Each structure stands twice: as structure tokens, then as C-alpha cells.
PDB file of N, CA and C in Angstrom:
ATOM      1  N   MET A   1      61.198  -7.417 -66.788  1.00  0.00           N
ATOM      2  CA  MET A   1      61.352  -8.427 -66.053  1.00  0.00           C
ATOM      3  C   MET A   1      60.081  -8.265 -64.752  1.00  0.00           C
ATOM      4  N   TYR A   2      59.872  -9.682 -64.371  1.00  0.00           N
ATOM      5  CA  TYR A   2      59.288  -9.455 -63.184  1.00  0.00           C
ATOM      6  C   TYR A   2      59.759 -10.027 -62.116  1.00  0.00           C
ATOM      7  N   LYS A   3      58.855  -9.694 -60.900  1.00  0.00           N
ATOM      8  CA  LYS A   3      59.341 -10.017 -59.607  1.00  0.00           C
ATOM      9  C   LYS A   3      58.710 -11.237 -58.808  1.00  0.00           C
ATOM     10  N   LEU A   4      59.283 -11.980 -58.553  1.00  0.00           N
ATOM     11  CA  LEU A   4      58.417 -13.066 -57.961  1.00  0.00           C
ATOM     12  C   LEU A   4      58.380 -13.501 -56.845  1.00  0.00           C
ATOM     13  N   ILE A   5      57.179 -13.199 -55.921  1.00  0.00           N
ATOM     14  CA  ILE A   5      57.249 -12.961 -54.214  1.00  0.00           C
ATOM     15  C   ILE A   5      56.552 -14.222 -54.034  1.00  0.00           C
ATOM     16  N   VAL A   6      57.265 -14.677 -53.260  1.00  0.00           N
ATOM     17  CA  VAL A   6      57.041 -16.286 -52.718  1.00  0.00           C
ATOM     18  C   VAL A   6      56.333 -16.127 -51.023  1.00  0.00           C
ATOM     19  N   SER A   7      54.806 -16.240 -51.115  1.00  0.00           N
ATOM     20  CA  SER A   7      54.328 -16.062 -49.751  1.00  0.00           C
ATOM     21  C   SER A   7      54.903 -16.617 -48.679  1.00  0.00           C
ATOM     22  N   GLU A   8      54.950 -16.208 -47.252  1.00  0.00           N
ATOM     23  CA  GLU A   8      55.139 -17.006 -46.369  1.00  0.00           C
ATOM     24  C   GLU A   8      54.849 -18.540 -46.244  1.00  0.00           C
ATOM     25  N   LEU A   9      53.264 -18.643 -46.900  1.00  0.00           N
ATOM     26  CA  LEU A   9      52.801 -19.966 -46.691  1.00  0.00           C
ATOM     27  C   LEU A   9      53.419 -20.738 -47.768  1.00  0.00           C
ATOM     28  N   ALA A  10      53.840 -20.030 -49.179  1.00  0.00           N
ATOM     29  CA  ALA A  10      54.125 -21.131 -49.778  1.00  0.00           C
ATOM     30  C   ALA A  10      55.482 -21.634 -49.834  1.00  0.00           C
ATOM     31  N   HIS A  11      56.463 -20.741 -49.100  1.00  0.00           N
ATOM     32  CA  HIS A  11      57.437 -21.090 -48.402  1.00  0.00           C
ATOM     33  C   HIS A  11      57.570 -22.150 -47.465  1.00  0.00           C
ATOM     34  N   LYS A  12      56.753 -22.292 -46.652  1.00  0.00           N
ATOM     35  CA  LYS A  12      56.191 -23.237 -45.733  1.00  0.00           C
ATOM     36  C   LYS A  12      55.928 -24.315 -46.398  1.00  0.00           C
ATOM     37  N   ASP A  13      55.160 -24.568 -47.504  1.00  0.00           N
ATOM     38  CA  ASP A  13      54.882 -25.914 -48.182  1.00  0.00           C
ATOM     39  C   ASP A  13      56.153 -26.341 -48.842  1.00  0.00           C
ATOM     40  N   LEU A  14      56.652 -25.510 -49.400  1.00  0.00           N
ATOM     41  CA  LEU A  14      58.009 -25.724 -50.331  1.00  0.00           C
ATOM     42  C   LEU A  14      58.914 -26.587 -49.431  1.00  0.00           C
ATOM     43  N   ASP A  15      58.965 -25.864 -48.107  1.00  0.00           N
ATOM     44  CA  ASP A  15      59.817 -26.686 -47.403  1.00  0.00           C
ATOM     45  C   ASP A  15      59.354 -27.879 -46.488  1.00  0.00           C
ATOM     46  N   ASN A  16      58.196 -27.947 -46.559  1.00  0.00           N
ATOM     47  CA  ASN A  16      57.266 -29.301 -45.916  1.00  0.00           C
ATOM     48  C   ASN A  16      57.930 -30.585 -47.320  1.00  0.00           C
ATOM     49  N   ILE A  17      57.564 -29.883 -48.374  1.00  0.00           N
ATOM     50  CA  ILE A  17      57.489 -30.987 -49.577  1.00  0.00           C
ATOM     51  C   ILE A  17      59.146 -31.672 -49.508  1.00  0.00           C
ATOM     52  N   VAL A  18      59.905 -30.100 -49.439  1.00  0.00           N
ATOM     53  CA  VAL A  18      61.745 -30.582 -49.578  1.00  0.00           C
ATOM     54  C   VAL A  18      61.806 -31.792 -48.729  1.00  0.00           C
ATOM     55  N   SER A  19      61.319 -31.258 -46.950  1.00  0.00           N
ATOM     56  CA  SER A  19      61.753 -32.317 -45.985  1.00  0.00           C
ATOM     57  C   SER A  19      61.180 -33.786 -46.173  1.00  0.00           C
ATOM     58  N   TYR A  20      59.737 -33.630 -46.700  1.00  0.00           N
ATOM     59  CA  TYR A  20      59.234 -35.066 -46.652  1.00  0.00           C
ATOM     60  C   TYR A  20      60.081 -35.902 -48.196  1.00  0.00           C
ATOM     61  N   ILE A  21      60.546 -35.236 -48.891  1.00  0.00           N
ATOM     62  CA  ILE A  21      61.195 -35.922 -50.209  1.00  0.00           C
ATOM     63  C   ILE A  21      62.619 -36.506 -49.397  1.00  0.00           C
ATOM     64  N   ALA A  22      63.020 -35.517 -48.281  1.00  0.00           N
ATOM     65  CA  ALA A  22      64.579 -35.883 -48.227  1.00  0.00           C
ATOM     66  C   ALA A  22      63.887 -36.865 -46.859  1.00  0.00           C
ATOM     67  N   VAL A  23      63.283 -36.744 -45.844  1.00  0.00           N
ATOM     68  CA  VAL A  23      63.676 -37.714 -44.579  1.00  0.00           C
ATOM     69  C   VAL A  23      62.416 -38.907 -45.009  1.00  0.00           C
ATOM     70  N   GLN A  24      61.193 -38.416 -45.502  1.00  0.00           N
ATOM     71  CA  GLN A  24      60.147 -39.680 -45.670  1.00  0.00           C
ATOM     72  C   GLN A  24      60.858 -40.683 -46.471  1.00  0.00           C
ATOM     73  N   LEU A  25      61.315 -40.131 -47.743  1.00  0.00           N
ATOM     74  CA  LEU A  25      61.461 -40.871 -48.934  1.00  0.00           C
ATOM     75  C   LEU A  25      62.667 -41.327 -49.160  1.00  0.00           C
ATOM     76  N   ALA A  26      63.621 -40.847 -47.941  1.00  0.00           N
ATOM     77  CA  ALA A  26      65.134 -41.399 -47.698  1.00  0.00           C
ATOM     78  C   ALA A  26      65.648 -41.080 -49.154  1.00  0.00           C
ATOM     79  N   ASN A  27      65.780 -39.842 -49.593  1.00  0.00           N
ATOM     80  CA  ASN A  27      66.335 -39.427 -50.957  1.00  0.00           C
ATOM     81  C   ASN A  27      66.792 -38.066 -50.448  1.00  0.00           C
ATOM     82  N   PRO A  28      68.259 -37.861 -49.929  1.00  0.00           N
ATOM     83  CA  PRO A  28      68.245 -36.424 -49.441  1.00  0.00           C
ATOM     84  C   PRO A  28      69.061 -35.418 -50.902  1.00  0.00           C
ATOM     85  N   THR A  29      69.229 -36.245 -52.109  1.00  0.00           N
ATOM     86  CA  THR A  29      69.365 -35.346 -53.179  1.00  0.00           C
ATOM     87  C   THR A  29      68.526 -34.764 -54.019  1.00  0.00           C
ATOM     88  N   GLU A  30      67.029 -35.525 -53.852  1.00  0.00           N
ATOM     89  CA  GLU A  30      65.955 -35.540 -54.816  1.00  0.00           C
ATOM     90  C   GLU A  30      65.611 -34.090 -54.493  1.00  0.00           C
ATOM     91  N   PRO A  31      65.623 -33.428 -53.369  1.00  0.00           N
ATOM     92  CA  PRO A  31      64.779 -31.991 -53.130  1.00  0.00           C
ATOM     93  C   PRO A  31      65.867 -30.923 -53.969  1.00  0.00           C
ATOM     94  N   VAL A  32      66.976 -31.191 -53.893  1.00  0.00           N
ATOM     95  CA  VAL A  32      68.162 -30.032 -54.804  1.00  0.00           C
ATOM     96  C   VAL A  32      67.396 -30.353 -56.196  1.00  0.00           C
ATOM     97  N   ILE A  33      67.504 -31.308 -56.661  1.00  0.00           N
ATOM     98  CA  ILE A  33      67.183 -31.455 -58.147  1.00  0.00           C
ATOM     99  C   ILE A  33      65.654 -30.874 -58.206  1.00  0.00           C
ATOM    100  N   PHE A  34      64.809 -31.167 -57.322  1.00  0.00           N
ATOM    101  CA  PHE A  34      63.420 -30.700 -57.194  1.00  0.00           C
ATOM    102  C   PHE A  34      63.289 -28.961 -57.329  1.00  0.00           C
ATOM    103  N   LEU A  35      64.052 -28.773 -56.401  1.00  0.00           N
ATOM    104  CA  LEU A  35      64.284 -26.969 -56.224  1.00  0.00           C
ATOM    105  C   LEU A  35      64.609 -26.411 -57.640  1.00  0.00           C
ATOM    106  N   MET A  36      65.523 -27.065 -58.290  1.00  0.00           N
ATOM    107  CA  MET A  36      66.417 -26.441 -59.512  1.00  0.00           C
ATOM    108  C   MET A  36      65.280 -26.512 -60.548  1.00  0.00           C
ATOM    109  N   LYS A  37      64.377 -27.369 -60.449  1.00  0.00           N
ATOM    110  CA  LYS A  37      63.618 -27.859 -61.789  1.00  0.00           C
ATOM    111  C   LYS A  37      62.553 -26.807 -61.621  1.00  0.00           C
ATOM    112  N   LEU A  38      62.505 -26.513 -59.944  1.00  0.00           N
ATOM    113  CA  LEU A  38      60.971 -25.802 -59.956  1.00  0.00           C
ATOM    114  C   LEU A  38      61.545 -24.161 -60.404  1.00  0.00           C
ATOM    115  N   ILE A  39      62.758 -23.697 -59.943  1.00  0.00           N
ATOM    116  CA  ILE A  39      63.409 -22.481 -60.572  1.00  0.00           C
ATOM    117  C   ILE A  39      63.205 -22.535 -61.826  1.00  0.00           C
ATOM    118  N   ASN A  40      64.242 -23.384 -62.412  1.00  0.00           N
ATOM    119  CA  ASN A  40      64.123 -23.171 -64.132  1.00  0.00           C
ATOM    120  C   ASN A  40      62.813 -22.963 -64.870  1.00  0.00           C
ATOM    121  N   ALA A  41      61.755 -23.718 -64.129  1.00  0.00           N
ATOM    122  CA  ALA A  41      60.404 -23.478 -64.488  1.00  0.00           C
ATOM    123  C   ALA A  41      59.562 -22.097 -64.578  1.00  0.00           C
ATOM    124  N   ILE A  42      60.166 -21.372 -63.477  1.00  0.00           N
ATOM    125  CA  ILE A  42      59.705 -20.214 -63.225  1.00  0.00           C
ATOM    126  C   ILE A  42      60.424 -19.260 -64.336  1.00  0.00           C
ATOM    127  N   VAL A  43      61.842 -19.530 -64.243  1.00  0.00           N
ATOM    128  CA  VAL A  43      62.413 -18.617 -64.892  1.00  0.00           C
ATOM    129  C   VAL A  43      62.180 -18.614 -66.654  1.00  0.00           C
ATOM    130  N   ILE A  44      61.893 -19.360 -67.171  1.00  0.00           N
ATOM    131  CA  ILE A  44      61.691 -19.985 -68.353  1.00  0.00           C
ATOM    132  C   ILE A  44      60.538 -19.230 -68.546  1.00  0.00           C
TER     133      ILE A  44
END
């Protein structure tokens, strides 16, 4: 099993993406869906 290490820069990028979707696109539920899809893509 592999261990995924997310760099500080990548973490900030993901935070910015989630914030953009929630605030700028006024869609507060979509970031959760986005993150779940991202996690599923990494795990599979």
C-alpha cells in the first residue's frame, strides 16, 4: 500500500479550488462532491 503525501502547496491549491467553487460559483455542496471524487480517484 502506498502512502500519499500532499505538499503544503498542493494543500493550499486544493483549499483555493474548494473556496472558489463554494464562494465564487455560489455552490457550497459541490466542493464536498469534488473532494470525494478526488479521493476516490486516488484510492482506486
